[in-house]
């Protein structure tokens, strides 16, 4: 899968998202194993202070990037019952794939309506 790798960090103490483009947080770095560094390699931030979330490679109908932990609303076709319905669902990863990649989602209807931290 060729997907742009982007991340955001939820700062539990300040209750804000930190994006890689954030000018005030240029010293933050994320390792390949998900550790968050502030400054040098010896300054690893506690996992209790931050949550790292990955970009899904999809955008919602308004052009906003969808990250894991976002809550999306969209049209979903239920094959078992042969009907469509609008549902809300949290975006999560399962073994490297995200559940909204299912062909049952009508992608143009997806809209971010929140996230798991700012309910």
PDB file of N, CA and C in Angstrom:
ATOM      1  N   UNK A   1       0.851  -1.172   0.000  1.00  0.00           N
ATOM      2  CA  UNK A   1       0.000   0.000   0.000  1.00  0.00           C
ATOM      3  C   UNK A   1       0.893   1.230   0.000  1.00  0.00           C
ATOM      4  N   UNK A   2       0.716   2.105  -0.967  1.00  0.00           N
ATOM      5  CA  UNK A   2       1.452   3.357  -1.006  1.00  0.00           C
ATOM      6  C   UNK A   2       0.602   4.437  -0.361  1.00  0.00           C
ATOM      7  N   UNK A   3       0.921   4.712   0.883  1.00  0.00           N
ATOM      8  CA  UNK A   3       0.161   5.700   1.642  1.00  0.00           C
ATOM      9  C   UNK A   3       1.154   6.638   2.295  1.00  0.00           C
ATOM     10  N   UNK A   4       0.852   7.916   2.279  1.00  0.00           N
ATOM     11  CA  UNK A   4       1.706   8.893   2.934  1.00  0.00           C
ATOM     12  C   UNK A   4       1.724   8.613   4.431  1.00  0.00           C
ATOM     13  N   UNK A   5       2.908   8.519   5.009  1.00  0.00           N
ATOM     14  CA  UNK A   5       3.031   8.273   6.443  1.00  0.00           C
ATOM     15  C   UNK A   5       3.085   9.606   7.177  1.00  0.00           C
ATOM     16  N   UNK A   6       2.024   9.883   7.918  1.00  0.00           N
ATOM     17  CA  UNK A   6       1.950  11.094   8.737  1.00  0.00           C
ATOM     18  C   UNK A   6       1.407  10.683  10.092  1.00  0.00           C
ATOM     19  N   UNK A   7       1.796  11.433  11.099  1.00  0.00           N
ATOM     20  CA  UNK A   7       1.356  11.145  12.453  1.00  0.00           C
ATOM     21  C   UNK A   7       0.931  12.435  13.135  1.00  0.00           C
ATOM     22  N   UNK A   8       0.140  12.280  14.173  1.00  0.00           N
ATOM     23  CA  UNK A   8      -0.146  13.377  15.082  1.00  0.00           C
ATOM     24  C   UNK A   8       0.009  12.819  16.490  1.00  0.00           C
ATOM     25  N   UNK A   9       0.229  13.702  17.433  1.00  0.00           N
ATOM     26  CA  UNK A   9       0.438  13.293  18.817  1.00  0.00           C
ATOM     27  C   UNK A   9      -0.612  13.990  19.674  1.00  0.00           C
ATOM     28  N   UNK A  10      -1.292  13.223  20.519  1.00  0.00           N
ATOM     29  CA  UNK A  10      -2.221  13.804  21.488  1.00  0.00           C
ATOM     30  C   UNK A  10      -1.435  14.050  22.770  1.00  0.00           C
ATOM     31  N   UNK A  11      -1.347  15.306  23.165  1.00  0.00           N
ATOM     32  CA  UNK A  11      -0.662  15.713  24.392  1.00  0.00           C
ATOM     33  C   UNK A  11      -1.686  15.621  25.518  1.00  0.00           C
ATOM     34  N   UNK A  12      -1.547  14.597  26.369  1.00  0.00           N
ATOM     35  CA  UNK A  12      -2.536  14.346  27.419  1.00  0.00           C
ATOM     36  C   UNK A  12      -2.576  15.464  28.456  1.00  0.00           C
ATOM     37  N   UNK A  13      -1.421  16.062  28.747  1.00  0.00           N
ATOM     38  CA  UNK A  13      -1.381  17.101  29.773  1.00  0.00           C
ATOM     39  C   UNK A  13      -2.051  18.390  29.317  1.00  0.00           C
ATOM     40  N   UNK A  14      -1.744  18.811  28.078  1.00  0.00           N
ATOM     41  CA  UNK A  14      -2.297  20.069  27.574  1.00  0.00           C
ATOM     42  C   UNK A  14      -3.590  19.883  26.783  1.00  0.00           C
ATOM     43  N   UNK A  15      -3.957  18.621  26.552  1.00  0.00           N
ATOM     44  CA  UNK A  15      -5.183  18.269  25.838  1.00  0.00           C
ATOM     45  C   UNK A  15      -5.269  18.950  24.469  1.00  0.00           C
ATOM     46  N   UNK A  16      -4.184  18.772  23.692  1.00  0.00           N
ATOM     47  CA  UNK A  16      -4.137  19.308  22.328  1.00  0.00           C
ATOM     48  C   UNK A  16      -3.453  18.297  21.414  1.00  0.00           C
ATOM     49  N   UNK A  17      -3.739  18.403  20.122  1.00  0.00           N
ATOM     50  CA  UNK A  17      -3.019  17.622  19.128  1.00  0.00           C
ATOM     51  C   UNK A  17      -1.794  18.388  18.679  1.00  0.00           C
ATOM     52  N   UNK A  18      -0.699  17.667  18.486  1.00  0.00           N
ATOM     53  CA  UNK A  18       0.514  18.242  17.936  1.00  0.00           C
ATOM     54  C   UNK A  18       0.709  17.591  16.575  1.00  0.00           C
ATOM     55  N   UNK A  19       0.757  18.422  15.538  1.00  0.00           N
ATOM     56  CA  UNK A  19       0.965  17.931  14.180  1.00  0.00           C
ATOM     57  C   UNK A  19       2.399  18.218  13.770  1.00  0.00           C
ATOM     58  N   UNK A  20       2.913  17.454  12.816  1.00  0.00           N
ATOM     59  CA  UNK A  20       4.297  17.629  12.405  1.00  0.00           C
ATOM     60  C   UNK A  20       4.569  19.021  11.858  1.00  0.00           C
ATOM     61  N   UNK A  21       3.542  19.729  11.424  1.00  0.00           N
ATOM     62  CA  UNK A  21       3.730  21.073  10.885  1.00  0.00           C
ATOM     63  C   UNK A  21       3.693  22.141  11.968  1.00  0.00           C
ATOM     64  N   UNK A  22       3.432  21.758  13.204  1.00  0.00           N
ATOM     65  CA  UNK A  22       3.307  22.728  14.292  1.00  0.00           C
ATOM     66  C   UNK A  22       4.624  23.423  14.605  1.00  0.00           C
ATOM     67  N   UNK A  23       4.680  24.729  14.367  1.00  0.00           N
ATOM     68  CA  UNK A  23       5.934  25.482  14.509  1.00  0.00           C
ATOM     69  C   UNK A  23       6.467  25.443  15.938  1.00  0.00           C
ATOM     70  N   UNK A  24       5.613  25.397  16.930  1.00  0.00           N
ATOM     71  CA  UNK A  24       6.095  25.439  18.311  1.00  0.00           C
ATOM     72  C   UNK A  24       6.579  24.081  18.803  1.00  0.00           C
ATOM     73  N   UNK A  25       6.438  23.040  18.001  1.00  0.00           N
ATOM     74  CA  UNK A  25       6.820  21.696  18.436  1.00  0.00           C
ATOM     75  C   UNK A  25       7.826  21.058  17.491  1.00  0.00           C
ATOM     76  N   UNK A  26       8.701  21.863  16.889  1.00  0.00           N
ATOM     77  CA  UNK A  26       9.632  21.337  15.900  1.00  0.00           C
ATOM     78  C   UNK A  26      10.608  20.329  16.488  1.00  0.00           C
ATOM     79  N   UNK A  27      10.798  20.316  17.781  1.00  0.00           N
ATOM     80  CA  UNK A  27      11.789  19.444  18.382  1.00  0.00           C
ATOM     81  C   UNK A  27      11.229  18.059  18.701  1.00  0.00           C
ATOM     82  N   UNK A  28       9.964  17.828  18.472  1.00  0.00           N
ATOM     83  CA  UNK A  28       9.393  16.504  18.717  1.00  0.00           C
ATOM     84  C   UNK A  28       9.701  15.577  17.548  1.00  0.00           C
ATOM     85  N   UNK A  29      10.011  14.328  17.863  1.00  0.00           N
ATOM     86  CA  UNK A  29      10.266  13.318  16.831  1.00  0.00           C
ATOM     87  C   UNK A  29       9.641  12.009  17.270  1.00  0.00           C
ATOM     88  N   UNK A  30       9.211  11.193  16.315  1.00  0.00           N
ATOM     89  CA  UNK A  30       8.615   9.888  16.594  1.00  0.00           C
ATOM     90  C   UNK A  30       9.515   8.829  15.984  1.00  0.00           C
ATOM     91  N   UNK A  31       9.900   7.829  16.795  1.00  0.00           N
ATOM     92  CA  UNK A  31      10.736   6.744  16.278  1.00  0.00           C
ATOM     93  C   UNK A  31       9.873   5.725  15.541  1.00  0.00           C
ATOM     94  N   UNK A  32      10.524   4.806  14.860  1.00  0.00           N
ATOM     95  CA  UNK A  32       9.794   3.769  14.126  1.00  0.00           C
ATOM     96  C   UNK A  32       9.012   2.845  15.050  1.00  0.00           C
ATOM     97  N   UNK A  33       9.369   2.787  16.310  1.00  0.00           N
ATOM     98  CA  UNK A  33       8.632   1.945  17.261  1.00  0.00           C
ATOM     99  C   UNK A  33       7.635   2.760  18.088  1.00  0.00           C
ATOM    100  N   UNK A  34       7.437   4.032  17.707  1.00  0.00           N
ATOM    101  CA  UNK A  34       6.402   4.835  18.340  1.00  0.00           C
ATOM    102  C   UNK A  34       6.833   5.633  19.556  1.00  0.00           C
ATOM    103  N   UNK A  35       8.148   5.673  19.864  1.00  0.00           N
ATOM    104  CA  UNK A  35       8.608   6.487  20.982  1.00  0.00           C
ATOM    105  C   UNK A  35       8.635   7.950  20.560  1.00  0.00           C
ATOM    106  N   UNK A  36       8.289   8.836  21.476  1.00  0.00           N
ATOM    107  CA  UNK A  36       8.278  10.265  21.191  1.00  0.00           C
ATOM    108  C   UNK A  36       9.479  10.901  21.883  1.00  0.00           C
ATOM    109  N   UNK A  37      10.281  11.624  21.101  1.00  0.00           N
ATOM    110  CA  UNK A  37      11.484  12.284  21.621  1.00  0.00           C
ATOM    111  C   UNK A  37      11.272  13.794  21.601  1.00  0.00           C
ATOM    112  N   UNK A  38      11.796  14.443  22.618  1.00  0.00           N
ATOM    113  CA  UNK A  38      11.762  15.901  22.683  1.00  0.00           C
ATOM    114  C   UNK A  38      13.204  16.374  22.761  1.00  0.00           C
ATOM    115  N   UNK A  39      13.750  16.812  21.652  1.00  0.00           N
ATOM    116  CA  UNK A  39      15.148  17.226  21.629  1.00  0.00           C
ATOM    117  C   UNK A  39      16.035  16.069  21.217  1.00  0.00           C
ATOM    118  N   UNK A  40      16.985  15.676  22.084  1.00  0.00           N
ATOM    119  CA  UNK A  40      17.954  14.632  21.763  1.00  0.00           C
ATOM    120  C   UNK A  40      17.416  13.228  21.960  1.00  0.00           C
ATOM    121  N   UNK A  41      18.270  12.261  21.646  1.00  0.00           N
ATOM    122  CA  UNK A  41      17.877  10.855  21.732  1.00  0.00           C
ATOM    123  C   UNK A  41      17.688  10.376  23.167  1.00  0.00           C
ATOM    124  N   UNK A  42      18.241  11.090  24.152  1.00  0.00           N
ATOM    125  CA  UNK A  42      18.077  10.646  25.545  1.00  0.00           C
ATOM    126  C   UNK A  42      16.791  11.163  26.166  1.00  0.00           C
ATOM    127  N   UNK A  43      16.100  12.051  25.496  1.00  0.00           N
ATOM    128  CA  UNK A  43      14.926  12.693  26.079  1.00  0.00           C
ATOM    129  C   UNK A  43      13.640  12.060  25.538  1.00  0.00           C
ATOM    130  N   UNK A  44      13.375  10.815  25.951  1.00  0.00           N
ATOM    131  CA  UNK A  44      12.164  10.101  25.518  1.00  0.00           C
ATOM    132  C   UNK A  44      11.021  10.508  26.439  1.00  0.00           C
ATOM    133  N   UNK A  45       9.925  10.915  25.866  1.00  0.00           N
ATOM    134  CA  UNK A  45       8.770  11.308  26.661  1.00  0.00           C
ATOM    135  C   UNK A  45       8.016  10.070  27.137  1.00  0.00           C
ATOM    136  N   UNK A  46       7.426  10.176  28.280  1.00  0.00           N
ATOM    137  CA  UNK A  46       6.676   9.063  28.865  1.00  0.00           C
ATOM    138  C   UNK A  46       5.445   8.741  28.028  1.00  0.00           C
ATOM    139  N   UNK A  47       5.189   7.448  27.842  1.00  0.00           N
ATOM    140  CA  UNK A  47       3.983   7.031  27.111  1.00  0.00           C
ATOM    141  C   UNK A  47       2.720   7.475  27.833  1.00  0.00           C
ATOM    142  N   UNK A  48       2.840   7.818  29.107  1.00  0.00           N
ATOM    143  CA  UNK A  48       1.681   8.282  29.866  1.00  0.00           C
ATOM    144  C   UNK A  48       1.302   9.714  29.502  1.00  0.00           C
ATOM    145  N   UNK A  49       2.214  10.429  28.819  1.00  0.00           N
ATOM    146  CA  UNK A  49       1.965  11.825  28.492  1.00  0.00           C
ATOM    147  C   UNK A  49       1.452  12.047  27.073  1.00  0.00           C
ATOM    148  N   UNK A  50       1.712  11.092  26.159  1.00  0.00           N
ATOM    149  CA  UNK A  50       1.389  11.292  24.756  1.00  0.00           C
ATOM    150  C   UNK A  50       0.795  10.034  24.141  1.00  0.00           C
ATOM    151  N   UNK A  51      -0.049  10.235  23.111  1.00  0.00           N
ATOM    152  CA  UNK A  51      -0.576   9.136  22.313  1.00  0.00           C
ATOM    153  C   UNK A  51      -0.281   9.467  20.854  1.00  0.00           C
ATOM    154  N   UNK A  52       0.388   8.555  20.153  1.00  0.00           N
ATOM    155  CA  UNK A  52       0.719   8.748  18.746  1.00  0.00           C
ATOM    156  C   UNK A  52      -0.380   8.121  17.894  1.00  0.00           C
ATOM    157  N   UNK A  53      -0.859   8.878  16.897  1.00  0.00           N
ATOM    158  CA  UNK A  53      -1.901   8.379  15.991  1.00  0.00           C
ATOM    159  C   UNK A  53      -1.435   8.534  14.544  1.00  0.00           C
ATOM    160  N   UNK A  54      -1.781   7.556  13.714  1.00  0.00           N
ATOM    161  CA  UNK A  54      -1.327   7.522  12.332  1.00  0.00           C
ATOM    162  C   UNK A  54      -2.432   7.968  11.371  1.00  0.00           C
ATOM    163  N   UNK A  55      -2.005   8.613  10.287  1.00  0.00           N
ATOM    164  CA  UNK A  55      -2.887   9.033   9.199  1.00  0.00           C
ATOM    165  C   UNK A  55      -3.319   7.800   8.407  1.00  0.00           C
ATOM    166  N   UNK A  56      -4.586   7.731   8.032  1.00  0.00           N
ATOM    167  CA  UNK A  56      -5.118   6.558   7.316  1.00  0.00           C
ATOM    168  C   UNK A  56      -4.839   6.590   5.826  1.00  0.00           C
ATOM    169  N   UNK A  57      -4.506   7.760   5.295  1.00  0.00           N
ATOM    170  CA  UNK A  57      -4.353   7.886   3.848  1.00  0.00           C
ATOM    171  C   UNK A  57      -5.633   8.367   3.183  1.00  0.00           C
ATOM    172  N   UNK A  58      -6.687   8.532   3.966  1.00  0.00           N
ATOM    173  CA  UNK A  58      -7.970   9.004   3.444  1.00  0.00           C
ATOM    174  C   UNK A  58      -8.273  10.402   3.951  1.00  0.00           C
ATOM    175  N   UNK A  59      -9.094  11.100   3.191  1.00  0.00           N
ATOM    176  CA  UNK A  59      -9.615  12.383   3.634  1.00  0.00           C
ATOM    177  C   UNK A  59     -11.131  12.290   3.683  1.00  0.00           C
ATOM    178  N   UNK A  60     -11.723  13.112   4.545  1.00  0.00           N
ATOM    179  CA  UNK A  60     -13.182  13.102   4.612  1.00  0.00           C
ATOM    180  C   UNK A  60     -13.743  13.960   3.476  1.00  0.00           C
ATOM    181  N   UNK A  61     -15.058  14.083   3.420  1.00  0.00           N
ATOM    182  CA  UNK A  61     -15.697  14.791   2.299  1.00  0.00           C
ATOM    183  C   UNK A  61     -15.361  16.274   2.275  1.00  0.00           C
ATOM    184  N   UNK A  62     -14.795  16.801   3.377  1.00  0.00           N
ATOM    185  CA  UNK A  62     -14.395  18.200   3.446  1.00  0.00           C
ATOM    186  C   UNK A  62     -12.902  18.392   3.222  1.00  0.00           C
ATOM    187  N   UNK A  63     -12.194  17.308   2.861  1.00  0.00           N
ATOM    188  CA  UNK A  63     -10.768  17.397   2.590  1.00  0.00           C
ATOM    189  C   UNK A  63      -9.872  17.319   3.815  1.00  0.00           C
ATOM    190  N   UNK A  64     -10.433  16.982   4.990  1.00  0.00           N
ATOM    191  CA  UNK A  64      -9.636  16.854   6.212  1.00  0.00           C
ATOM    192  C   UNK A  64      -9.021  15.463   6.282  1.00  0.00           C
ATOM    193  N   UNK A  65      -7.745  15.386   6.686  1.00  0.00           N
ATOM    194  CA  UNK A  65      -7.070  14.104   6.844  1.00  0.00           C
ATOM    195  C   UNK A  65      -7.727  13.299   7.962  1.00  0.00           C
ATOM    196  N   UNK A  66      -7.944  11.992   7.714  1.00  0.00           N
ATOM    197  CA  UNK A  66      -8.538  11.107   8.714  1.00  0.00           C
ATOM    198  C   UNK A  66      -7.415  10.331   9.396  1.00  0.00           C
ATOM    199  N   UNK A  67      -7.322  10.477  10.722  1.00  0.00           N
ATOM    200  CA  UNK A  67      -6.327   9.778  11.538  1.00  0.00           C
ATOM    201  C   UNK A  67      -7.020   8.713  12.379  1.00  0.00           C
ATOM    202  N   UNK A  68      -6.250   7.716  12.824  1.00  0.00           N
ATOM    203  CA  UNK A  68      -6.825   6.765  13.763  1.00  0.00           C
ATOM    204  C   UNK A  68      -7.254   7.557  14.994  1.00  0.00           C
ATOM    205  N   UNK A  69      -8.333   7.118  15.604  1.00  0.00           N
ATOM    206  CA  UNK A  69      -8.887   7.830  16.750  1.00  0.00           C
ATOM    207  C   UNK A  69      -9.934   8.854  16.374  1.00  0.00           C
ATOM    208  N   UNK A  70     -10.019   9.209  15.080  1.00  0.00           N
ATOM    209  CA  UNK A  70     -11.090  10.101  14.646  1.00  0.00           C
ATOM    210  C   UNK A  70     -12.404   9.334  14.669  1.00  0.00           C
ATOM    211  N   UNK A  71     -13.467  10.061  14.856  1.00  0.00           N
ATOM    212  CA  UNK A  71     -14.797   9.467  14.771  1.00  0.00           C
ATOM    213  C   UNK A  71     -15.421  10.009  13.497  1.00  0.00           C
ATOM    214  N   UNK A  72     -15.822   9.096  12.632  1.00  0.00           N
ATOM    215  CA  UNK A  72     -16.383   9.498  11.337  1.00  0.00           C
ATOM    216  C   UNK A  72     -17.835   9.058  11.232  1.00  0.00           C
ATOM    217  N   UNK A  73     -18.577   9.816  10.462  1.00  0.00           N
ATOM    218  CA  UNK A  73     -19.958   9.461  10.125  1.00  0.00           C
ATOM    219  C   UNK A  73     -19.971   9.245   8.620  1.00  0.00           C
ATOM    220  N   UNK A  74     -20.664   8.235   8.198  1.00  0.00           N
ATOM    221  CA  UNK A  74     -20.747   7.997   6.767  1.00  0.00           C
ATOM    222  C   UNK A  74     -21.755   6.918   6.438  1.00  0.00           C
ATOM    223  N   UNK A  75     -21.962   6.730   5.149  1.00  0.00           N
ATOM    224  CA  UNK A  75     -22.920   5.729   4.684  1.00  0.00           C
ATOM    225  C   UNK A  75     -22.226   4.379   4.591  1.00  0.00           C
ATOM    226  N   UNK A  76     -22.836   3.376   5.175  1.00  0.00           N
ATOM    227  CA  UNK A  76     -22.277   2.028   5.213  1.00  0.00           C
ATOM    228  C   UNK A  76     -23.321   1.069   4.668  1.00  0.00           C
ATOM    229  N   UNK A  77     -22.900   0.190   3.738  1.00  0.00           N
ATOM    230  CA  UNK A  77     -23.805  -0.789   3.148  1.00  0.00           C
ATOM    231  C   UNK A  77     -23.635  -2.106   3.885  1.00  0.00           C
ATOM    232  N   UNK A  78     -24.695  -2.594   4.475  1.00  0.00           N
ATOM    233  CA  UNK A  78     -24.678  -3.851   5.214  1.00  0.00           C
ATOM    234  C   UNK A  78     -25.056  -4.980   4.252  1.00  0.00           C
ATOM    235  N   UNK A  79     -24.063  -5.800   3.868  1.00  0.00           N
ATOM    236  CA  UNK A  79     -24.308  -6.865   2.886  1.00  0.00           C
ATOM    237  C   UNK A  79     -25.259  -7.929   3.406  1.00  0.00           C
ATOM    238  N   UNK A  80     -25.172  -8.221   4.719  1.00  0.00           N
ATOM    239  CA  UNK A  80     -26.028  -9.265   5.282  1.00  0.00           C
ATOM    240  C   UNK A  80     -27.502  -8.882   5.180  1.00  0.00           C
ATOM    241  N   UNK A  81     -27.800  -7.623   5.456  1.00  0.00           N
ATOM    242  CA  UNK A  81     -29.197  -7.189   5.455  1.00  0.00           C
ATOM    243  C   UNK A  81     -29.576  -6.400   4.205  1.00  0.00           C
ATOM    244  N   UNK A  82     -28.602  -6.194   3.305  1.00  0.00           N
ATOM    245  CA  UNK A  82     -28.839  -5.535   2.016  1.00  0.00           C
ATOM    246  C   UNK A  82     -29.487  -4.156   2.152  1.00  0.00           C
ATOM    247  N   UNK A  83     -28.926  -3.349   3.028  1.00  0.00           N
ATOM    248  CA  UNK A  83     -29.419  -1.977   3.119  1.00  0.00           C
ATOM    249  C   UNK A  83     -28.268  -1.048   3.489  1.00  0.00           C
ATOM    250  N   UNK A  84     -28.446   0.234   3.216  1.00  0.00           N
ATOM    251  CA  UNK A  84     -27.460   1.254   3.573  1.00  0.00           C
ATOM    252  C   UNK A  84     -27.971   2.005   4.789  1.00  0.00           C
ATOM    253  N   UNK A  85     -27.023   2.443   5.608  1.00  0.00           N
ATOM    254  CA  UNK A  85     -27.394   3.277   6.738  1.00  0.00           C
ATOM    255  C   UNK A  85     -26.254   4.223   7.047  1.00  0.00           C
ATOM    256  N   UNK A  86     -26.580   5.341   7.644  1.00  0.00           N
ATOM    257  CA  UNK A  86     -25.570   6.292   8.090  1.00  0.00           C
ATOM    258  C   UNK A  86     -25.190   5.898   9.507  1.00  0.00           C
ATOM    259  N   UNK A  87     -23.898   5.631   9.720  1.00  0.00           N
ATOM    260  CA  UNK A  87     -23.441   5.254  11.059  1.00  0.00           C
ATOM    261  C   UNK A  87     -22.225   6.091  11.438  1.00  0.00           C
ATOM    262  N   UNK A  88     -21.942   6.134  12.744  1.00  0.00           N
ATOM    263  CA  UNK A  88     -20.752   6.771  13.267  1.00  0.00           C
ATOM    264  C   UNK A  88     -19.817   5.673  13.745  1.00  0.00           C
ATOM    265  N   UNK A  89     -18.519   5.870  13.491  1.00  0.00           N
ATOM    266  CA  UNK A  89     -17.574   4.810  13.824  1.00  0.00           C
ATOM    267  C   UNK A  89     -16.210   5.393  14.135  1.00  0.00           C
ATOM    268  N   UNK A  90     -15.533   4.832  15.140  1.00  0.00           N
ATOM    269  CA  UNK A  90     -14.170   5.239  15.462  1.00  0.00           C
ATOM    270  C   UNK A  90     -13.202   4.594  14.484  1.00  0.00           C
ATOM    271  N   UNK A  91     -12.235   5.343  14.007  1.00  0.00           N
ATOM    272  CA  UNK A  91     -11.219   4.836  13.080  1.00  0.00           C
ATOM    273  C   UNK A  91     -10.126   4.142  13.894  1.00  0.00           C
ATOM    274  N   UNK A  92      -9.910   2.864  13.627  1.00  0.00           N
ATOM    275  CA  UNK A  92      -8.875   2.095  14.327  1.00  0.00           C
ATOM    276  C   UNK A  92      -8.110   1.250  13.322  1.00  0.00           C
ATOM    277  N   UNK A  93      -6.874   0.893  13.691  1.00  0.00           N
ATOM    278  CA  UNK A  93      -6.043   0.042  12.848  1.00  0.00           C
ATOM    279  C   UNK A  93      -6.104  -1.391  13.350  1.00  0.00           C
ATOM    280  N   UNK A  94      -6.149  -2.342  12.440  1.00  0.00           N
ATOM    281  CA  UNK A  94      -6.094  -3.768  12.771  1.00  0.00           C
ATOM    282  C   UNK A  94      -5.006  -4.393  11.929  1.00  0.00           C
ATOM    283  N   UNK A  95      -3.873  -4.732  12.529  1.00  0.00           N
ATOM    284  CA  UNK A  95      -2.803  -5.402  11.794  1.00  0.00           C
ATOM    285  C   UNK A  95      -2.333  -4.643  10.568  1.00  0.00           C
ATOM    286  N   UNK A  96      -2.233  -3.327  10.679  1.00  0.00           N
ATOM    287  CA  UNK A  96      -1.726  -2.518   9.584  1.00  0.00           C
ATOM    288  C   UNK A  96      -2.788  -2.019   8.630  1.00  0.00           C
ATOM    289  N   UNK A  97      -4.033  -2.465   8.781  1.00  0.00           N
ATOM    290  CA  UNK A  97      -5.113  -1.981   7.913  1.00  0.00           C
ATOM    291  C   UNK A  97      -6.138  -1.268   8.786  1.00  0.00           C
ATOM    292  N   UNK A  98      -6.807  -0.293   8.246  1.00  0.00           N
ATOM    293  CA  UNK A  98      -7.805   0.420   9.033  1.00  0.00           C
ATOM    294  C   UNK A  98      -9.191   0.006   8.592  1.00  0.00           C
ATOM    295  N   UNK A  99     -10.114  -0.039   9.533  1.00  0.00           N
ATOM    296  CA  UNK A  99     -11.424  -0.618   9.264  1.00  0.00           C
ATOM    297  C   UNK A  99     -12.280   0.184   8.298  1.00  0.00           C
ATOM    298  N   UNK A 100     -12.034   1.474   8.104  1.00  0.00           N
ATOM    299  CA  UNK A 100     -12.864   2.203   7.145  1.00  0.00           C
ATOM    300  C   UNK A 100     -12.400   1.981   5.714  1.00  0.00           C
ATOM    301  N   UNK A 101     -11.384   1.139   5.520  1.00  0.00           N
ATOM    302  CA  UNK A 101     -10.959   0.804   4.164  1.00  0.00           C
ATOM    303  C   UNK A 101     -11.909  -0.210   3.536  1.00  0.00           C
ATOM    304  N   UNK A 102     -12.813  -0.747   4.315  1.00  0.00           N
ATOM    305  CA  UNK A 102     -13.776  -1.718   3.820  1.00  0.00           C
ATOM    306  C   UNK A 102     -14.526  -1.166   2.614  1.00  0.00           C
ATOM    307  N   UNK A 103     -14.768  -2.022   1.647  1.00  0.00           N
ATOM    308  CA  UNK A 103     -15.502  -1.591   0.457  1.00  0.00           C
ATOM    309  C   UNK A 103     -16.958  -1.281   0.789  1.00  0.00           C
ATOM    310  N   UNK A 104     -17.403  -1.638   1.986  1.00  0.00           N
ATOM    311  CA  UNK A 104     -18.788  -1.374   2.374  1.00  0.00           C
ATOM    312  C   UNK A 104     -19.030   0.091   2.725  1.00  0.00           C
ATOM    313  N   UNK A 105     -17.949   0.866   2.931  1.00  0.00           N
ATOM    314  CA  UNK A 105     -18.112   2.293   3.213  1.00  0.00           C
ATOM    315  C   UNK A 105     -18.234   3.067   1.913  1.00  0.00           C
ATOM    316  N   UNK A 106     -19.184   3.958   1.848  1.00  0.00           N
ATOM    317  CA  UNK A 106     -19.314   4.858   0.701  1.00  0.00           C
ATOM    318  C   UNK A 106     -18.419   6.061   1.016  1.00  0.00           C
ATOM    319  N   UNK A 107     -17.174   6.015   0.525  1.00  0.00           N
ATOM    320  CA  UNK A 107     -16.131   6.955   0.942  1.00  0.00           C
ATOM    321  C   UNK A 107     -16.488   8.438   0.774  1.00  0.00           C
ATOM    322  N   UNK A 108     -17.179   8.850  -0.294  1.00  0.00           N
ATOM    323  CA  UNK A 108     -17.487  10.279  -0.413  1.00  0.00           C
ATOM    324  C   UNK A 108     -18.398  10.816   0.692  1.00  0.00           C
ATOM    325  N   UNK A 109     -19.028   9.939   1.471  1.00  0.00           N
ATOM    326  CA  UNK A 109     -19.910  10.416   2.540  1.00  0.00           C
ATOM    327  C   UNK A 109     -19.195  10.543   3.877  1.00  0.00           C
ATOM    328  N   UNK A 110     -17.953  10.047   3.983  1.00  0.00           N
ATOM    329  CA  UNK A 110     -17.251  10.093   5.263  1.00  0.00           C
ATOM    330  C   UNK A 110     -17.015  11.527   5.717  1.00  0.00           C
ATOM    331  N   UNK A 111     -17.303  11.777   6.994  1.00  0.00           N
ATOM    332  CA  UNK A 111     -17.076  13.099   7.571  1.00  0.00           C
ATOM    333  C   UNK A 111     -16.571  12.927   8.998  1.00  0.00           C
ATOM    334  N   UNK A 112     -15.485  13.618   9.326  1.00  0.00           N
ATOM    335  CA  UNK A 112     -14.969  13.584  10.699  1.00  0.00           C
ATOM    336  C   UNK A 112     -15.905  14.407  11.571  1.00  0.00           C
ATOM    337  N   UNK A 113     -16.394  13.799  12.647  1.00  0.00           N
ATOM    338  CA  UNK A 113     -17.295  14.513  13.557  1.00  0.00           C
ATOM    339  C   UNK A 113     -16.695  14.663  14.955  1.00  0.00           C
ATOM    340  N   UNK A 114     -15.477  14.151  15.134  1.00  0.00           N
ATOM    341  CA  UNK A 114     -14.808  14.270  16.429  1.00  0.00           C
ATOM    342  C   UNK A 114     -13.653  13.305  16.502  1.00  0.00           C
ATOM    343  N   UNK A 115     -13.182  13.067  17.722  1.00  0.00           N
ATOM    344  CA  UNK A 115     -12.131  12.090  17.946  1.00  0.00           C
ATOM    345  C   UNK A 115     -12.297  11.533  19.353  1.00  0.00           C
ATOM    346  N   UNK A 116     -11.526  10.510  19.675  1.00  0.00           N
ATOM    347  CA  UNK A 116     -11.716   9.813  20.944  1.00  0.00           C
ATOM    348  C   UNK A 116     -11.286  10.637  22.150  1.00  0.00           C
ATOM    349  N   UNK A 117     -10.544  11.712  21.941  1.00  0.00           N
ATOM    350  CA  UNK A 117     -10.082  12.536  23.063  1.00  0.00           C
ATOM    351  C   UNK A 117     -10.943  13.753  23.313  1.00  0.00           C
ATOM    352  N   UNK A 118     -11.482  14.349  22.278  1.00  0.00           N
ATOM    353  CA  UNK A 118     -12.284  15.566  22.407  1.00  0.00           C
ATOM    354  C   UNK A 118     -13.746  15.245  22.122  1.00  0.00           C
ATOM    355  N   UNK A 119     -14.365  14.517  23.006  1.00  0.00           N
ATOM    356  CA  UNK A 119     -15.751  14.076  22.781  1.00  0.00           C
ATOM    357  C   UNK A 119     -16.734  15.173  23.148  1.00  0.00           C
TER     358      UNK A 119
END
